[in-house]
PDB file of N, CA and C in Angstrom:
ATOM      1  N   MET A   1     210.223  91.257 172.719  1.00  0.00           N
ATOM      2  CA  MET A   1     210.801  90.400 171.442  1.00  0.00           C
ATOM      3  C   MET A   1     210.965  91.622 170.531  1.00  0.00           C
ATOM      4  N   LYS A   2     211.795  91.126 169.639  1.00  0.00           N
ATOM      5  CA  LYS A   2     212.282  92.126 168.569  1.00  0.00           C
ATOM      6  C   LYS A   2     211.311  92.090 167.403  1.00  0.00           C
ATOM      7  N   TYR A   3     210.472  91.070 167.066  1.00  0.00           N
ATOM      8  CA  TYR A   3     209.640  90.717 166.074  1.00  0.00           C
ATOM      9  C   TYR A   3     208.294  90.955 166.445  1.00  0.00           C
ATOM     10  N   PRO A   4     207.454  91.504 165.398  1.00  0.00           N
ATOM     11  CA  PRO A   4     205.745  91.279 165.933  1.00  0.00           C
ATOM     12  C   PRO A   4     205.513  89.952 165.948  1.00  0.00           C
ATOM     13  N   ARG A   5     204.426  89.521 166.678  1.00  0.00           N
ATOM     14  CA  ARG A   5     204.159  88.041 166.801  1.00  0.00           C
ATOM     15  C   ARG A   5     202.445  87.990 166.647  1.00  0.00           C
ATOM     16  N   TYR A   6     202.194  86.833 166.286  1.00  0.00           N
ATOM     17  CA  TYR A   6     200.564  86.601 166.194  1.00  0.00           C
ATOM     18  C   TYR A   6     200.011  86.175 167.431  1.00  0.00           C
ATOM     19  N   GLU A   7     198.655  86.699 167.735  1.00  0.00           N
ATOM     20  CA  GLU A   7     198.139  86.061 168.958  1.00  0.00           C
ATOM     21  C   GLU A   7     197.482  84.679 168.345  1.00  0.00           C
ATOM     22  N   TYR A   8     197.458  83.444 169.129  1.00  0.00           N
ATOM     23  CA  TYR A   8     196.962  82.379 168.658  1.00  0.00           C
ATOM     24  C   TYR A   8     196.291  81.712 169.677  1.00  0.00           C
ATOM     25  N   SER A   9     195.389  80.698 169.209  1.00  0.00           N
ATOM     26  CA  SER A   9     194.686  79.875 170.184  1.00  0.00           C
ATOM     27  C   SER A   9     195.122  78.353 170.019  1.00  0.00           C
ATOM     28  N   THR A  10     194.847  77.532 170.794  1.00  0.00           N
ATOM     29  CA  THR A  10     195.255  76.317 170.771  1.00  0.00           C
ATOM     30  C   THR A  10     194.157  75.078 171.495  1.00  0.00           C
ATOM     31  N   GLU A  11     194.005  74.012 171.216  1.00  0.00           N
ATOM     32  CA  GLU A  11     193.208  73.055 171.936  1.00  0.00           C
ATOM     33  C   GLU A  11     194.088  72.561 173.210  1.00  0.00           C
ATOM     34  N   ALA A  12     193.335  71.720 173.878  1.00  0.00           N
ATOM     35  CA  ALA A  12     193.951  71.120 175.379  1.00  0.00           C
ATOM     36  C   ALA A  12     195.234  70.397 174.886  1.00  0.00           C
ATOM     37  N   GLU A  13     195.245  69.751 173.891  1.00  0.00           N
ATOM     38  CA  GLU A  13     196.492  68.754 173.595  1.00  0.00           C
ATOM     39  C   GLU A  13     197.598  69.492 173.335  1.00  0.00           C
ATOM     40  N   LEU A  14     197.346  70.742 172.972  1.00  0.00           N
ATOM     41  CA  LEU A  14     198.770  71.651 172.273  1.00  0.00           C
ATOM     42  C   LEU A  14     199.069  71.060 170.998  1.00  0.00           C
ATOM     43  N   ASN A  15     198.667  70.241 170.089  1.00  0.00           N
ATOM     44  CA  ASN A  15     199.080  70.102 168.849  1.00  0.00           C
ATOM     45  C   ASN A  15     198.555  70.773 167.543  1.00  0.00           C
ATOM     46  N   ILE A  16     197.509  71.405 167.730  1.00  0.00           N
ATOM     47  CA  ILE A  16     196.849  72.462 166.919  1.00  0.00           C
ATOM     48  C   ILE A  16     196.929  73.786 167.323  1.00  0.00           C
ATOM     49  N   PHE A  17     197.460  74.777 166.565  1.00  0.00           N
ATOM     50  CA  PHE A  17     197.354  76.074 166.815  1.00  0.00           C
ATOM     51  C   PHE A  17     196.727  76.864 165.453  1.00  0.00           C
ATOM     52  N   GLU A  18     196.019  77.803 166.102  1.00  0.00           N
ATOM     53  CA  GLU A  18     195.269  78.612 164.967  1.00  0.00           C
ATOM     54  C   GLU A  18     195.360  80.092 165.232  1.00  0.00           C
ATOM     55  N   PHE A  19     195.617  80.749 164.140  1.00  0.00           N
ATOM     56  CA  PHE A  19     196.120  82.232 164.071  1.00  0.00           C
ATOM     57  C   PHE A  19     195.280  82.814 162.917  1.00  0.00           C
ATOM     58  N   GLU A  20     195.235  84.197 163.052  1.00  0.00           N
ATOM     59  CA  GLU A  20     194.896  84.945 161.673  1.00  0.00           C
ATOM     60  C   GLU A  20     196.127  85.508 161.067  1.00  0.00           C
ATOM     61  N   SER A  21     196.323  85.487 159.899  1.00  0.00           N
ATOM     62  CA  SER A  21     197.195  86.196 158.934  1.00  0.00           C
ATOM     63  C   SER A  21     196.536  87.475 158.687  1.00  0.00           C
ATOM     64  N   ILE A  22     197.056  88.569 159.047  1.00  0.00           N
ATOM     65  CA  ILE A  22     196.474  89.917 158.729  1.00  0.00           C
ATOM     66  C   ILE A  22     197.505  90.634 157.558  1.00  0.00           C
ATOM     67  N   GLY A  23     197.072  90.611 156.499  1.00  0.00           N
ATOM     68  CA  GLY A  23     197.937  91.148 155.467  1.00  0.00           C
ATOM     69  C   GLY A  23     197.203  91.883 154.395  1.00  0.00           C
ATOM     70  N   ILE A  24     197.885  91.843 153.122  1.00  0.00           N
ATOM     71  CA  ILE A  24     197.347  92.829 152.207  1.00  0.00           C
ATOM     72  C   ILE A  24     195.932  92.211 151.749  1.00  0.00           C
ATOM     73  N   LYS A  25     195.620  91.019 151.995  1.00  0.00           N
ATOM     74  CA  LYS A  25     194.352  90.332 151.321  1.00  0.00           C
ATOM     75  C   LYS A  25     193.379  90.222 152.496  1.00  0.00           C
ATOM     76  N   GLY A  26     193.599  90.928 153.800  1.00  0.00           N
ATOM     77  CA  GLY A  26     192.653  90.752 154.767  1.00  0.00           C
ATOM     78  C   GLY A  26     193.005  89.792 155.771  1.00  0.00           C
ATOM     79  N   LYS A  27     192.086  89.148 156.625  1.00  0.00           N
ATOM     80  CA  LYS A  27     192.499  88.299 157.557  1.00  0.00           C
ATOM     81  C   LYS A  27     192.269  86.879 156.756  1.00  0.00           C
ATOM     82  N   ILE A  28     193.146  86.017 157.117  1.00  0.00           N
ATOM     83  CA  ILE A  28     193.280  84.774 156.651  1.00  0.00           C
ATOM     84  C   ILE A  28     193.461  83.815 157.941  1.00  0.00           C
ATOM     85  N   VAL A  29     192.540  82.706 157.974  1.00  0.00           N
ATOM     86  CA  VAL A  29     192.869  81.855 159.343  1.00  0.00           C
ATOM     87  C   VAL A  29     194.053  80.805 158.865  1.00  0.00           C
ATOM     88  N   LYS A  30     194.787  80.803 159.755  1.00  0.00           N
ATOM     89  CA  LYS A  30     195.936  79.602 159.400  1.00  0.00           C
ATOM     90  C   LYS A  30     195.888  78.408 160.591  1.00  0.00           C
ATOM     91  N   LEU A  31     196.415  77.190 160.176  1.00  0.00           N
ATOM     92  CA  LEU A  31     196.633  76.544 161.139  1.00  0.00           C
ATOM     93  C   LEU A  31     197.983  75.649 161.256  1.00  0.00           C
ATOM     94  N   VAL A  32     198.501  75.481 162.341  1.00  0.00           N
ATOM     95  CA  VAL A  32     199.589  74.645 162.294  1.00  0.00           C
ATOM     96  C   VAL A  32     199.361  73.214 163.421  1.00  0.00           C
ATOM     97  N   GLN A  33     199.696  72.174 162.778  1.00  0.00           N
ATOM     98  CA  GLN A  33     199.360  71.062 163.449  1.00  0.00           C
ATOM     99  C   GLN A  33     200.625  70.253 163.406  1.00  0.00           C
ATOM    100  N   TYR A  34     201.010  69.526 164.721  1.00  0.00           N
ATOM    101  CA  TYR A  34     201.935  68.710 164.907  1.00  0.00           C
ATOM    102  C   TYR A  34     201.153  67.307 165.245  1.00  0.00           C
ATOM    103  N   THR A  35     201.906  66.114 164.470  1.00  0.00           N
ATOM    104  CA  THR A  35     201.126  65.044 164.427  1.00  0.00           C
ATOM    105  C   THR A  35     202.259  63.884 164.851  1.00  0.00           C
ATOM    106  N   GLU A  36     202.210  62.991 165.847  1.00  0.00           N
ATOM    107  CA  GLU A  36     203.258  62.056 166.017  1.00  0.00           C
ATOM    108  C   GLU A  36     203.271  60.990 164.737  1.00  0.00           C
ATOM    109  N   MET A  37     204.567  60.737 164.452  1.00  0.00           N
ATOM    110  CA  MET A  37     204.494  59.883 163.321  1.00  0.00           C
ATOM    111  C   MET A  37     204.539  58.233 163.902  1.00  0.00           C
ATOM    112  N   ASN A  38     204.920  57.426 162.892  1.00  0.00           N
ATOM    113  CA  ASN A  38     205.117  56.038 163.330  1.00  0.00           C
ATOM    114  C   ASN A  38     206.366  55.679 164.367  1.00  0.00           C
ATOM    115  N   ILE A  39     207.435  56.502 163.868  1.00  0.00           N
ATOM    116  CA  ILE A  39     208.508  56.456 164.569  1.00  0.00           C
ATOM    117  C   ILE A  39     208.520  57.094 165.971  1.00  0.00           C
ATOM    118  N   LYS A  40     208.743  56.502 167.125  1.00  0.00           N
ATOM    119  CA  LYS A  40     208.344  57.066 168.333  1.00  0.00           C
ATOM    120  C   LYS A  40     209.530  58.505 168.480  1.00  0.00           C
ATOM    121  N   GLY A  41     209.028  59.637 168.987  1.00  0.00           N
ATOM    122  CA  GLY A  41     209.759  60.674 168.825  1.00  0.00           C
ATOM    123  C   GLY A  41     210.038  61.720 167.774  1.00  0.00           C
ATOM    124  N   TYR A  42     209.212  61.202 166.720  1.00  0.00           N
ATOM    125  CA  TYR A  42     209.105  61.938 165.476  1.00  0.00           C
ATOM    126  C   TYR A  42     207.792  62.572 164.970  1.00  0.00           C
ATOM    127  N   TYR A  43     207.664  63.641 164.651  1.00  0.00           N
ATOM    128  CA  TYR A  43     206.645  64.353 164.395  1.00  0.00           C
ATOM    129  C   TYR A  43     206.465  65.129 163.085  1.00  0.00           C
ATOM    130  N   ASN A  44     205.361  65.198 162.517  1.00  0.00           N
ATOM    131  CA  ASN A  44     204.897  65.742 161.213  1.00  0.00           C
ATOM    132  C   ASN A  44     204.448  67.149 161.692  1.00  0.00           C
ATOM    133  N   LEU A  45     205.089  68.195 160.772  1.00  0.00           N
ATOM    134  CA  LEU A  45     204.411  69.689 161.023  1.00  0.00           C
ATOM    135  C   LEU A  45     203.567  69.955 159.797  1.00  0.00           C
ATOM    136  N   ALA A  46     202.170  70.300 159.797  1.00  0.00           N
ATOM    137  CA  ALA A  46     201.552  70.675 158.758  1.00  0.00           C
ATOM    138  C   ALA A  46     201.250  72.050 158.877  1.00  0.00           C
ATOM    139  N   PHE A  47     201.340  72.929 158.087  1.00  0.00           N
ATOM    140  CA  PHE A  47     200.693  74.236 158.093  1.00  0.00           C
ATOM    141  C   PHE A  47     200.076  74.712 156.800  1.00  0.00           C
ATOM    142  N   GLY A  48     199.039  75.560 156.787  1.00  0.00           N
ATOM    143  CA  GLY A  48     198.233  75.948 155.911  1.00  0.00           C
ATOM    144  C   GLY A  48     196.986  76.912 156.040  1.00  0.00           C
ATOM    145  N   ASP A  49     196.178  77.102 155.249  1.00  0.00           N
ATOM    146  CA  ASP A  49     194.755  77.878 155.333  1.00  0.00           C
ATOM    147  C   ASP A  49     193.956  77.013 156.054  1.00  0.00           C
ATOM    148  N   LEU A  50     193.103  77.452 156.860  1.00  0.00           N
ATOM    149  CA  LEU A  50     192.086  76.632 157.438  1.00  0.00           C
ATOM    150  C   LEU A  50     190.887  76.414 156.546  1.00  0.00           C
ATOM    151  N   ASP A  51     190.491  75.436 156.087  1.00  0.00           N
ATOM    152  CA  ASP A  51     189.333  75.070 155.130  1.00  0.00           C
ATOM    153  C   ASP A  51     188.049  75.446 155.886  1.00  0.00           C
ATOM    154  N   ILE A  52     187.130  76.296 155.728  1.00  0.00           N
ATOM    155  CA  ILE A  52     186.154  76.505 156.479  1.00  0.00           C
ATOM    156  C   ILE A  52     184.852  75.610 156.593  1.00  0.00           C
ATOM    157  N   ILE A  53     184.976  74.649 155.514  1.00  0.00           N
ATOM    158  CA  ILE A  53     183.883  73.770 155.419  1.00  0.00           C
ATOM    159  C   ILE A  53     184.397  72.736 156.117  1.00  0.00           C
ATOM    160  N   THR A  54     185.713  72.027 155.829  1.00  0.00           N
ATOM    161  CA  THR A  54     186.052  70.742 156.678  1.00  0.00           C
ATOM    162  C   THR A  54     186.684  70.853 157.914  1.00  0.00           C
ATOM    163  N   ARG A  55     186.969  72.305 158.165  1.00  0.00           N
ATOM    164  CA  ARG A  55     187.789  72.520 159.394  1.00  0.00           C
ATOM    165  C   ARG A  55     189.363  71.938 159.539  1.00  0.00           C
ATOM    166  N   GLU A  56     189.770  71.455 158.327  1.00  0.00           N
ATOM    167  CA  GLU A  56     191.194  70.999 158.050  1.00  0.00           C
ATOM    168  C   GLU A  56     191.931  71.878 157.347  1.00  0.00           C
ATOM    169  N   ILE A  57     193.181  71.553 157.619  1.00  0.00           N
ATOM    170  CA  ILE A  57     194.369  72.408 156.771  1.00  0.00           C
ATOM    171  C   ILE A  57     194.298  72.132 155.411  1.00  0.00           C
ATOM    172  N   ASN A  58     194.291  73.114 154.580  1.00  0.00           N
ATOM    173  CA  ASN A  58     194.463  73.274 153.147  1.00  0.00           C
ATOM    174  C   ASN A  58     195.804  73.691 152.947  1.00  0.00           C
ATOM    175  N   ASP A  59     196.840  72.725 152.601  1.00  0.00           N
ATOM    176  CA  ASP A  59     198.142  73.033 152.374  1.00  0.00           C
ATOM    177  C   ASP A  59     198.316  73.380 151.022  1.00  0.00           C
ATOM    178  N   GLY A  60     197.627  73.169 150.196  1.00  0.00           N
ATOM    179  CA  GLY A  60     197.714  73.224 148.459  1.00  0.00           C
ATOM    180  C   GLY A  60     197.398  74.677 148.037  1.00  0.00           C
ATOM    181  N   VAL A  61     197.147  75.611 148.885  1.00  0.00           N
ATOM    182  CA  VAL A  61     196.888  76.826 148.442  1.00  0.00           C
ATOM    183  C   VAL A  61     198.201  77.758 149.009  1.00  0.00           C
ATOM    184  N   ILE A  62     198.377  78.847 148.077  1.00  0.00           N
ATOM    185  CA  ILE A  62     199.394  79.747 148.478  1.00  0.00           C
ATOM    186  C   ILE A  62     198.742  81.099 148.417  1.00  0.00           C
ATOM    187  N   THR A  63     198.632  81.669 149.546  1.00  0.00           N
ATOM    188  CA  THR A  63     197.832  82.939 149.743  1.00  0.00           C
ATOM    189  C   THR A  63     198.814  84.217 149.704  1.00  0.00           C
ATOM    190  N   ASN A  64     199.772  84.073 149.866  1.00  0.00           N
ATOM    191  CA  ASN A  64     201.002  85.170 149.654  1.00  0.00           C
ATOM    192  C   ASN A  64     200.034  86.490 150.324  1.00  0.00           C
ATOM    193  N   ASN A  65     199.658  86.461 151.665  1.00  0.00           N
ATOM    194  CA  ASN A  65     198.855  87.547 152.354  1.00  0.00           C
ATOM    195  C   ASN A  65     199.883  88.697 152.803  1.00  0.00           C
ATOM    196  N   GLY A  66     201.379  88.575 152.749  1.00  0.00           N
ATOM    197  CA  GLY A  66     202.220  89.552 153.404  1.00  0.00           C
ATOM    198  C   GLY A  66     201.885  89.738 154.674  1.00  0.00           C
ATOM    199  N   MET A  67     202.527  90.734 155.315  1.00  0.00           N
ATOM    200  CA  MET A  67     202.023  91.044 156.757  1.00  0.00           C
ATOM    201  C   MET A  67     202.243  92.436 156.937  1.00  0.00           C
ATOM    202  N   LEU A  68     201.172  92.932 157.846  1.00  0.00           N
ATOM    203  CA  LEU A  68     200.998  94.336 158.280  1.00  0.00           C
ATOM    204  C   LEU A  68     201.660  94.658 159.563  1.00  0.00           C
ATOM    205  N   LEU A  69     202.835  94.875 159.638  1.00  0.00           N
ATOM    206  CA  LEU A  69     203.689  95.300 160.692  1.00  0.00           C
ATOM    207  C   LEU A  69     203.080  96.274 161.886  1.00  0.00           C
ATOM    208  N   LYS A  70     203.065  95.900 162.982  1.00  0.00           N
ATOM    209  CA  LYS A  70     202.520  96.868 164.031  1.00  0.00           C
ATOM    210  C   LYS A  70     203.662  96.939 164.945  1.00  0.00           C
ATOM    211  N   PHE A  71     204.291  97.972 165.253  1.00  0.00           N
ATOM    212  CA  PHE A  71     205.274  98.160 166.160  1.00  0.00           C
ATOM    213  C   PHE A  71     204.910  99.080 167.099  1.00  0.00           C
TER     214      PHE A  71
END
C-alpha cells in the first residue's frame, strides 16, 4: 500500500469501526458508523471522536490532530 493506514477494530455487524488517530495532540479515539436509512440501499456515514462517557460519536468537535507518518 502506498499510504500508511490505521489499525482498527469493529463489531460483528461490521457497521461501527474504531481506530486511534495518533498525531500532534496524542491518541484520539475515532469512530466511523454506517447506518441504513429509511430508503432501502441508502446509508448514512457518521464520523467523529468517541465520547468516552456515552460511547457514541461526537461529530461536533474538530480535533485537528494531524498525522504522524510511519513509513
